[in-house]
Amino acid sequence: MLTASPVAAQVNEAALLDTVRADIYTHTVPPQQRRTAERIIATLDSVPGVRAASRIEAHAMIGEYLRAAIDDEDGITLHAKAIMALAGQLDSADRVRLAPQPIHAYRDLAEVIAGHGDIPAALELLANAPATLRGAPGVG
């Protein structure tokens, strides 16, 4: 059972992230493993005290899989939006360490939007990204 205790949450966060990694970073992910990873992410998102950094890492792992392996646009959108919403909660060290995840989330969501024919909205999303990603390396 996850607790709101910062020390306990960090230990549980690490174990849960390891489970997501094990379930997602294989060549073929059976549906049951994907469901397990999605349940873990839902748990990380719902338990008080879980760091934004852990939540971003989990969303990024499954989002990367959904984009590269099966091109699941609904899943890509869900996880990209979650990462984008959480990015502002990162401390300065995690903002640097996890910079690629929010950057990729903006890119991935823009690709989905553009793929549906709304190029202006995709470009606007990308144009507004630097304000949200302030402090991330490589973002102007």
N, C-alpha and C. Protein backbone atom coordinates (compact mmCIF):
# COMPACT_ATOMS: atom_id res chain seq x y z
N MET A 1 0.84 -1.18 0.00
CA MET A 1 0.00 0.00 0.00
C MET A 1 0.88 1.24 0.00
N LEU A 2 0.60 2.17 -0.86
CA LEU A 2 1.35 3.41 -0.92
C LEU A 2 0.90 4.34 0.19
N THR A 3 1.83 5.11 0.72
CA THR A 3 1.50 6.07 1.77
C THR A 3 1.89 7.45 1.31
N ALA A 4 1.42 8.44 2.05
CA ALA A 4 1.74 9.82 1.70
C ALA A 4 3.07 10.27 2.31
N SER A 5 3.68 9.43 3.12
CA SER A 5 4.96 9.76 3.72
C SER A 5 6.00 9.99 2.64
N PRO A 6 6.72 11.11 2.68
CA PRO A 6 7.70 11.39 1.61
C PRO A 6 8.74 10.29 1.45
N VAL A 7 9.27 9.75 2.55
CA VAL A 7 10.28 8.70 2.45
C VAL A 7 9.67 7.43 1.88
N ALA A 8 8.52 7.02 2.42
CA ALA A 8 7.86 5.81 1.93
C ALA A 8 7.43 5.97 0.48
N ALA A 9 6.93 7.17 0.14
CA ALA A 9 6.48 7.40 -1.23
C ALA A 9 7.64 7.28 -2.20
N GLN A 10 8.82 7.79 -1.84
CA GLN A 10 9.96 7.71 -2.73
C GLN A 10 10.38 6.26 -2.96
N VAL A 11 10.37 5.44 -1.92
CA VAL A 11 10.72 4.04 -2.07
C VAL A 11 9.70 3.35 -2.97
N ASN A 12 8.42 3.59 -2.73
CA ASN A 12 7.39 2.99 -3.55
C ASN A 12 7.41 3.52 -4.97
N GLU A 13 7.71 4.78 -5.14
CA GLU A 13 7.80 5.37 -6.47
C GLU A 13 8.86 4.64 -7.29
N ALA A 14 10.01 4.41 -6.68
CA ALA A 14 11.09 3.74 -7.39
C ALA A 14 10.69 2.34 -7.80
N ALA A 15 10.06 1.61 -6.90
CA ALA A 15 9.63 0.24 -7.21
C ALA A 15 8.58 0.24 -8.32
N LEU A 16 7.64 1.17 -8.24
CA LEU A 16 6.60 1.23 -9.27
C LEU A 16 7.19 1.62 -10.62
N LEU A 17 8.14 2.56 -10.63
CA LEU A 17 8.77 2.93 -11.89
C LEU A 17 9.54 1.76 -12.49
N ASP A 18 10.19 0.97 -11.63
CA ASP A 18 10.88 -0.22 -12.13
C ASP A 18 9.90 -1.20 -12.76
N THR A 19 8.72 -1.33 -12.20
CA THR A 19 7.70 -2.22 -12.77
C THR A 19 7.23 -1.71 -14.11
N VAL A 20 7.00 -0.40 -14.21
CA VAL A 20 6.60 0.18 -15.50
C VAL A 20 7.68 -0.07 -16.54
N ARG A 21 8.95 0.17 -16.16
CA ARG A 21 10.07 -0.08 -17.08
C ARG A 21 10.07 -1.52 -17.56
N ALA A 22 9.91 -2.44 -16.63
CA ALA A 22 9.94 -3.87 -16.98
C ALA A 22 8.77 -4.22 -17.90
N ASP A 23 7.62 -3.60 -17.69
CA ASP A 23 6.44 -3.91 -18.49
C ASP A 23 6.47 -3.25 -19.86
N ILE A 24 7.11 -2.11 -19.99
CA ILE A 24 7.06 -1.34 -21.23
C ILE A 24 8.28 -1.54 -22.11
N TYR A 25 9.46 -1.63 -21.53
CA TYR A 25 10.67 -1.71 -22.35
C TYR A 25 11.00 -3.13 -22.78
N THR A 26 10.08 -3.72 -23.50
CA THR A 26 10.31 -5.00 -24.15
C THR A 26 9.93 -4.79 -25.61
N HIS A 27 10.30 -5.71 -26.46
CA HIS A 27 9.99 -5.52 -27.89
C HIS A 27 8.50 -5.55 -28.16
N THR A 28 7.80 -6.44 -27.52
CA THR A 28 6.36 -6.53 -27.69
C THR A 28 5.72 -6.52 -26.32
N VAL A 29 4.79 -5.63 -26.12
CA VAL A 29 4.13 -5.52 -24.83
C VAL A 29 2.75 -6.14 -24.93
N PRO A 30 2.55 -7.27 -24.24
CA PRO A 30 1.21 -7.86 -24.24
C PRO A 30 0.22 -6.91 -23.57
N PRO A 31 -1.05 -7.01 -23.94
CA PRO A 31 -2.06 -6.10 -23.38
C PRO A 31 -2.08 -6.09 -21.84
N GLN A 32 -1.85 -7.23 -21.22
CA GLN A 32 -1.88 -7.29 -19.76
C GLN A 32 -0.77 -6.42 -19.15
N GLN A 33 0.42 -6.44 -19.76
CA GLN A 33 1.52 -5.61 -19.24
C GLN A 33 1.21 -4.13 -19.41
N ARG A 34 0.60 -3.78 -20.52
CA ARG A 34 0.24 -2.38 -20.73
C ARG A 34 -0.80 -1.96 -19.69
N ARG A 35 -1.79 -2.81 -19.43
CA ARG A 35 -2.80 -2.49 -18.42
C ARG A 35 -2.17 -2.33 -17.04
N THR A 36 -1.19 -3.20 -16.73
CA THR A 36 -0.49 -3.09 -15.45
C THR A 36 0.22 -1.76 -15.36
N ALA A 37 0.93 -1.37 -16.42
CA ALA A 37 1.65 -0.10 -16.43
C ALA A 37 0.67 1.07 -16.28
N GLU A 38 -0.45 1.01 -16.97
CA GLU A 38 -1.46 2.08 -16.89
C GLU A 38 -2.03 2.17 -15.47
N ARG A 39 -2.26 1.02 -14.82
CA ARG A 39 -2.77 1.03 -13.44
C ARG A 39 -1.74 1.64 -12.49
N ILE A 40 -0.47 1.32 -12.70
CA ILE A 40 0.57 1.89 -11.84
C ILE A 40 0.63 3.40 -12.02
N ILE A 41 0.53 3.86 -13.25
CA ILE A 41 0.55 5.30 -13.50
C ILE A 41 -0.66 5.96 -12.85
N ALA A 42 -1.82 5.33 -12.94
CA ALA A 42 -3.01 5.89 -12.28
C ALA A 42 -2.79 5.96 -10.77
N THR A 43 -2.13 4.96 -10.21
CA THR A 43 -1.83 4.97 -8.77
C THR A 43 -0.89 6.11 -8.45
N LEU A 44 0.18 6.26 -9.22
CA LEU A 44 1.12 7.36 -8.98
C LEU A 44 0.42 8.71 -9.07
N ASP A 45 -0.53 8.83 -9.99
CA ASP A 45 -1.24 10.10 -10.17
C ASP A 45 -2.23 10.38 -9.04
N SER A 46 -2.69 9.35 -8.36
CA SER A 46 -3.76 9.55 -7.37
C SER A 46 -3.29 9.58 -5.92
N VAL A 47 -2.08 9.13 -5.64
CA VAL A 47 -1.61 9.06 -4.26
C VAL A 47 -0.96 10.39 -3.87
N PRO A 48 -1.44 10.99 -2.78
CA PRO A 48 -0.82 12.24 -2.32
C PRO A 48 0.65 12.00 -1.94
N GLY A 49 1.47 12.97 -2.23
CA GLY A 49 2.87 12.89 -1.85
C GLY A 49 3.80 12.30 -2.90
N VAL A 50 3.26 11.78 -3.98
CA VAL A 50 4.12 11.24 -5.04
C VAL A 50 4.68 12.42 -5.83
N ARG A 51 5.98 12.41 -6.00
CA ARG A 51 6.65 13.52 -6.67
C ARG A 51 6.23 13.64 -8.14
N ALA A 52 6.16 14.87 -8.61
CA ALA A 52 5.85 15.12 -10.02
C ALA A 52 6.88 14.45 -10.91
N ALA A 53 8.14 14.41 -10.48
CA ALA A 53 9.20 13.81 -11.29
C ALA A 53 8.91 12.33 -11.55
N SER A 54 8.47 11.60 -10.55
CA SER A 54 8.15 10.17 -10.74
C SER A 54 6.96 10.01 -11.67
N ARG A 55 5.99 10.87 -11.52
CA ARG A 55 4.81 10.78 -12.37
C ARG A 55 5.17 11.08 -13.82
N ILE A 56 6.03 12.08 -14.03
CA ILE A 56 6.46 12.41 -15.39
C ILE A 56 7.24 11.24 -15.99
N GLU A 57 8.14 10.65 -15.23
CA GLU A 57 8.91 9.51 -15.74
C GLU A 57 7.99 8.38 -16.18
N ALA A 58 6.98 8.06 -15.38
CA ALA A 58 6.06 6.98 -15.72
C ALA A 58 5.25 7.31 -16.97
N HIS A 59 4.70 8.52 -17.03
CA HIS A 59 3.93 8.93 -18.22
C HIS A 59 4.82 8.93 -19.46
N ALA A 60 6.07 9.35 -19.31
CA ALA A 60 6.99 9.40 -20.45
C ALA A 60 7.30 8.00 -20.97
N MET A 61 7.50 7.05 -20.06
CA MET A 61 7.81 5.69 -20.50
C MET A 61 6.69 5.09 -21.32
N ILE A 62 5.48 5.18 -20.82
CA ILE A 62 4.38 4.56 -21.58
C ILE A 62 4.05 5.41 -22.81
N GLY A 63 4.19 6.72 -22.71
CA GLY A 63 3.94 7.56 -23.88
C GLY A 63 4.90 7.26 -25.01
N GLU A 64 6.16 7.03 -24.66
CA GLU A 64 7.17 6.67 -25.67
C GLU A 64 6.80 5.35 -26.35
N TYR A 65 6.39 4.39 -25.55
CA TYR A 65 5.97 3.10 -26.11
C TYR A 65 4.77 3.29 -27.04
N LEU A 66 3.76 4.03 -26.60
CA LEU A 66 2.56 4.21 -27.40
C LEU A 66 2.86 4.91 -28.71
N ARG A 67 3.81 5.82 -28.68
CA ARG A 67 4.17 6.56 -29.90
C ARG A 67 4.98 5.68 -30.86
N ALA A 68 5.98 5.00 -30.33
CA ALA A 68 6.91 4.26 -31.19
C ALA A 68 6.37 2.90 -31.62
N ALA A 69 5.72 2.19 -30.73
CA ALA A 69 5.37 0.81 -31.02
C ALA A 69 4.01 0.66 -31.69
N ILE A 70 3.01 1.40 -31.23
CA ILE A 70 1.68 1.14 -31.76
C ILE A 70 0.94 2.37 -32.25
N ASP A 71 1.54 3.56 -32.12
CA ASP A 71 0.95 4.80 -32.62
C ASP A 71 -0.49 4.98 -32.12
N ASP A 72 -0.68 4.84 -30.81
CA ASP A 72 -1.98 5.00 -30.16
C ASP A 72 -2.19 6.48 -29.85
N GLU A 73 -2.89 7.19 -30.72
CA GLU A 73 -3.03 8.64 -30.59
C GLU A 73 -3.75 9.05 -29.31
N ASP A 74 -4.76 8.31 -28.89
CA ASP A 74 -5.46 8.67 -27.65
C ASP A 74 -4.53 8.54 -26.45
N GLY A 75 -3.76 7.46 -26.43
CA GLY A 75 -2.80 7.26 -25.34
C GLY A 75 -1.69 8.29 -25.36
N ILE A 76 -1.19 8.59 -26.56
CA ILE A 76 -0.14 9.60 -26.70
C ILE A 76 -0.64 10.93 -26.16
N THR A 77 -1.86 11.30 -26.53
CA THR A 77 -2.45 12.57 -26.09
C THR A 77 -2.62 12.59 -24.58
N LEU A 78 -3.14 11.53 -24.02
CA LEU A 78 -3.37 11.45 -22.57
C LEU A 78 -2.07 11.64 -21.79
N HIS A 79 -1.04 10.91 -22.17
CA HIS A 79 0.22 10.96 -21.43
C HIS A 79 0.99 12.26 -21.70
N ALA A 80 0.92 12.77 -22.92
CA ALA A 80 1.58 14.06 -23.22
C ALA A 80 0.95 15.17 -22.39
N LYS A 81 -0.37 15.21 -22.33
CA LYS A 81 -1.04 16.25 -21.54
C LYS A 81 -0.72 16.12 -20.06
N ALA A 82 -0.62 14.89 -19.56
CA ALA A 82 -0.27 14.69 -18.15
C ALA A 82 1.12 15.23 -17.87
N ILE A 83 2.07 14.93 -18.74
CA ILE A 83 3.45 15.42 -18.57
C ILE A 83 3.47 16.94 -18.62
N MET A 84 2.77 17.52 -19.57
CA MET A 84 2.74 18.97 -19.71
C MET A 84 2.16 19.63 -18.46
N ALA A 85 1.12 19.03 -17.89
CA ALA A 85 0.50 19.58 -16.68
C ALA A 85 1.42 19.48 -15.47
N LEU A 86 2.21 18.41 -15.41
CA LEU A 86 3.09 18.18 -14.27
C LEU A 86 4.41 18.95 -14.35
N ALA A 87 4.81 19.36 -15.53
CA ALA A 87 6.13 19.98 -15.72
C ALA A 87 6.34 21.20 -14.83
N GLY A 88 5.31 21.97 -14.60
CA GLY A 88 5.44 23.16 -13.76
C GLY A 88 5.67 22.85 -12.29
N GLN A 89 5.46 21.60 -11.89
CA GLN A 89 5.64 21.21 -10.49
C GLN A 89 7.06 20.72 -10.19
N LEU A 90 7.88 20.61 -11.22
CA LEU A 90 9.24 20.11 -11.02
C LEU A 90 10.11 21.14 -10.32
N ASP A 91 10.99 20.66 -9.44
CA ASP A 91 11.98 21.56 -8.86
C ASP A 91 13.06 21.81 -9.92
N SER A 92 13.96 22.74 -9.64
CA SER A 92 14.94 23.13 -10.67
C SER A 92 15.84 21.98 -11.09
N ALA A 93 16.23 21.11 -10.15
CA ALA A 93 17.10 19.98 -10.51
C ALA A 93 16.37 18.98 -11.41
N ASP A 94 15.11 18.67 -11.07
CA ASP A 94 14.35 17.74 -11.90
C ASP A 94 13.96 18.37 -13.24
N ARG A 95 13.80 19.68 -13.25
CA ARG A 95 13.48 20.37 -14.52
C ARG A 95 14.62 20.18 -15.52
N VAL A 96 15.85 20.18 -15.03
CA VAL A 96 17.01 19.95 -15.89
C VAL A 96 17.12 18.46 -16.23
N ARG A 97 17.03 17.61 -15.21
CA ARG A 97 17.20 16.15 -15.40
C ARG A 97 16.14 15.57 -16.33
N LEU A 98 14.92 16.05 -16.22
CA LEU A 98 13.82 15.48 -16.99
C LEU A 98 13.42 16.35 -18.18
N ALA A 99 14.26 17.29 -18.58
CA ALA A 99 13.92 18.21 -19.67
C ALA A 99 13.42 17.51 -20.93
N PRO A 100 14.00 16.39 -21.35
CA PRO A 100 13.51 15.77 -22.58
C PRO A 100 12.04 15.33 -22.52
N GLN A 101 11.56 14.91 -21.36
CA GLN A 101 10.20 14.40 -21.29
C GLN A 101 9.14 15.46 -21.62
N PRO A 102 9.16 16.63 -20.99
CA PRO A 102 8.17 17.64 -21.40
C PRO A 102 8.37 18.13 -22.84
N ILE A 103 9.62 18.24 -23.27
CA ILE A 103 9.88 18.65 -24.66
C ILE A 103 9.26 17.64 -25.62
N HIS A 104 9.46 16.36 -25.37
CA HIS A 104 8.88 15.32 -26.22
C HIS A 104 7.36 15.31 -26.12
N ALA A 105 6.82 15.61 -24.94
CA ALA A 105 5.36 15.64 -24.79
C ALA A 105 4.75 16.70 -25.70
N TYR A 106 5.37 17.90 -25.73
CA TYR A 106 4.87 18.94 -26.62
C TYR A 106 4.98 18.51 -28.08
N ARG A 107 6.11 17.92 -28.44
CA ARG A 107 6.30 17.46 -29.81
C ARG A 107 5.27 16.40 -30.18
N ASP A 108 5.09 15.42 -29.29
CA ASP A 108 4.17 14.32 -29.58
C ASP A 108 2.74 14.81 -29.73
N LEU A 109 2.31 15.69 -28.83
CA LEU A 109 0.94 16.21 -28.92
C LEU A 109 0.78 17.06 -30.18
N ALA A 110 1.79 17.85 -30.53
CA ALA A 110 1.72 18.64 -31.76
C ALA A 110 1.60 17.74 -32.98
N GLU A 111 2.31 16.62 -32.98
CA GLU A 111 2.21 15.68 -34.11
C GLU A 111 0.81 15.09 -34.22
N VAL A 112 0.19 14.76 -33.09
CA VAL A 112 -1.18 14.23 -33.12
C VAL A 112 -2.13 15.29 -33.66
N ILE A 113 -2.00 16.51 -33.15
CA ILE A 113 -2.88 17.60 -33.59
C ILE A 113 -2.70 17.86 -35.09
N ALA A 114 -1.45 17.92 -35.53
CA ALA A 114 -1.18 18.15 -36.96
C ALA A 114 -1.70 17.00 -37.81
N GLY A 115 -1.57 15.78 -37.29
CA GLY A 115 -2.06 14.61 -38.01
C GLY A 115 -3.57 14.62 -38.22
N HIS A 116 -4.26 15.38 -37.38
CA HIS A 116 -5.71 15.54 -37.54
C HIS A 116 -6.04 16.75 -38.39
N GLY A 117 -5.01 17.35 -38.99
CA GLY A 117 -5.23 18.43 -39.93
C GLY A 117 -5.23 19.83 -39.36
N ASP A 118 -4.98 19.99 -38.06
CA ASP A 118 -5.01 21.32 -37.46
C ASP A 118 -3.58 21.84 -37.27
N ILE A 119 -2.94 22.14 -38.38
CA ILE A 119 -1.56 22.61 -38.37
C ILE A 119 -1.40 23.90 -37.55
N PRO A 120 -2.30 24.90 -37.70
CA PRO A 120 -2.14 26.12 -36.90
C PRO A 120 -2.16 25.84 -35.39
N ALA A 121 -3.02 24.96 -34.92
CA ALA A 121 -3.07 24.65 -33.49
C ALA A 121 -1.79 23.94 -33.05
N ALA A 122 -1.27 23.07 -33.89
CA ALA A 122 -0.02 22.36 -33.56
C ALA A 122 1.14 23.36 -33.45
N LEU A 123 1.21 24.29 -34.40
CA LEU A 123 2.27 25.29 -34.37
C LEU A 123 2.13 26.23 -33.17
N GLU A 124 0.90 26.58 -32.83
CA GLU A 124 0.67 27.43 -31.66
C GLU A 124 1.10 26.72 -30.38
N LEU A 125 0.80 25.44 -30.27
CA LEU A 125 1.23 24.67 -29.11
C LEU A 125 2.75 24.71 -28.97
N LEU A 126 3.44 24.48 -30.07
CA LEU A 126 4.91 24.50 -30.04
C LEU A 126 5.46 25.90 -29.76
N ALA A 127 4.81 26.92 -30.29
CA ALA A 127 5.27 28.29 -30.08
C ALA A 127 5.13 28.70 -28.61
N ASN A 128 4.12 28.18 -27.92
CA ASN A 128 3.89 28.53 -26.52
C ASN A 128 4.66 27.64 -25.55
N ALA A 129 5.26 26.57 -26.02
CA ALA A 129 5.96 25.63 -25.15
C ALA A 129 7.10 26.26 -24.35
N PRO A 130 7.94 27.13 -24.93
CA PRO A 130 9.07 27.66 -24.15
C PRO A 130 8.65 28.35 -22.85
N ALA A 131 7.52 29.02 -22.83
CA ALA A 131 7.08 29.69 -21.61
C ALA A 131 6.81 28.67 -20.50
N THR A 132 6.27 27.55 -20.87
CA THR A 132 5.96 26.49 -19.90
C THR A 132 7.22 25.74 -19.49
N LEU A 133 8.19 25.66 -20.37
CA LEU A 133 9.40 24.89 -20.12
C LEU A 133 10.56 25.75 -19.65
N ARG A 134 10.27 26.91 -19.12
CA ARG A 134 11.30 27.83 -18.66
C ARG A 134 12.26 27.11 -17.71
N GLY A 135 13.54 27.27 -17.94
CA GLY A 135 14.55 26.65 -17.09
C GLY A 135 15.05 25.31 -17.59
N ALA A 136 14.40 24.77 -18.60
CA ALA A 136 14.85 23.50 -19.16
C ALA A 136 15.98 23.76 -20.14
N PRO A 137 17.03 22.96 -20.12
CA PRO A 137 18.14 23.17 -21.04
C PRO A 137 17.70 23.04 -22.49
N GLY A 138 18.22 23.93 -23.32
CA GLY A 138 17.92 23.86 -24.74
C GLY A 138 16.60 24.50 -25.15
N VAL A 139 15.92 25.11 -24.19
CA VAL A 139 14.64 25.76 -24.50
C VAL A 139 14.83 27.26 -24.41
N GLY A 140 14.50 27.94 -25.50
CA GLY A 140 14.71 29.39 -25.56
C GLY A 140 13.63 30.20 -24.96
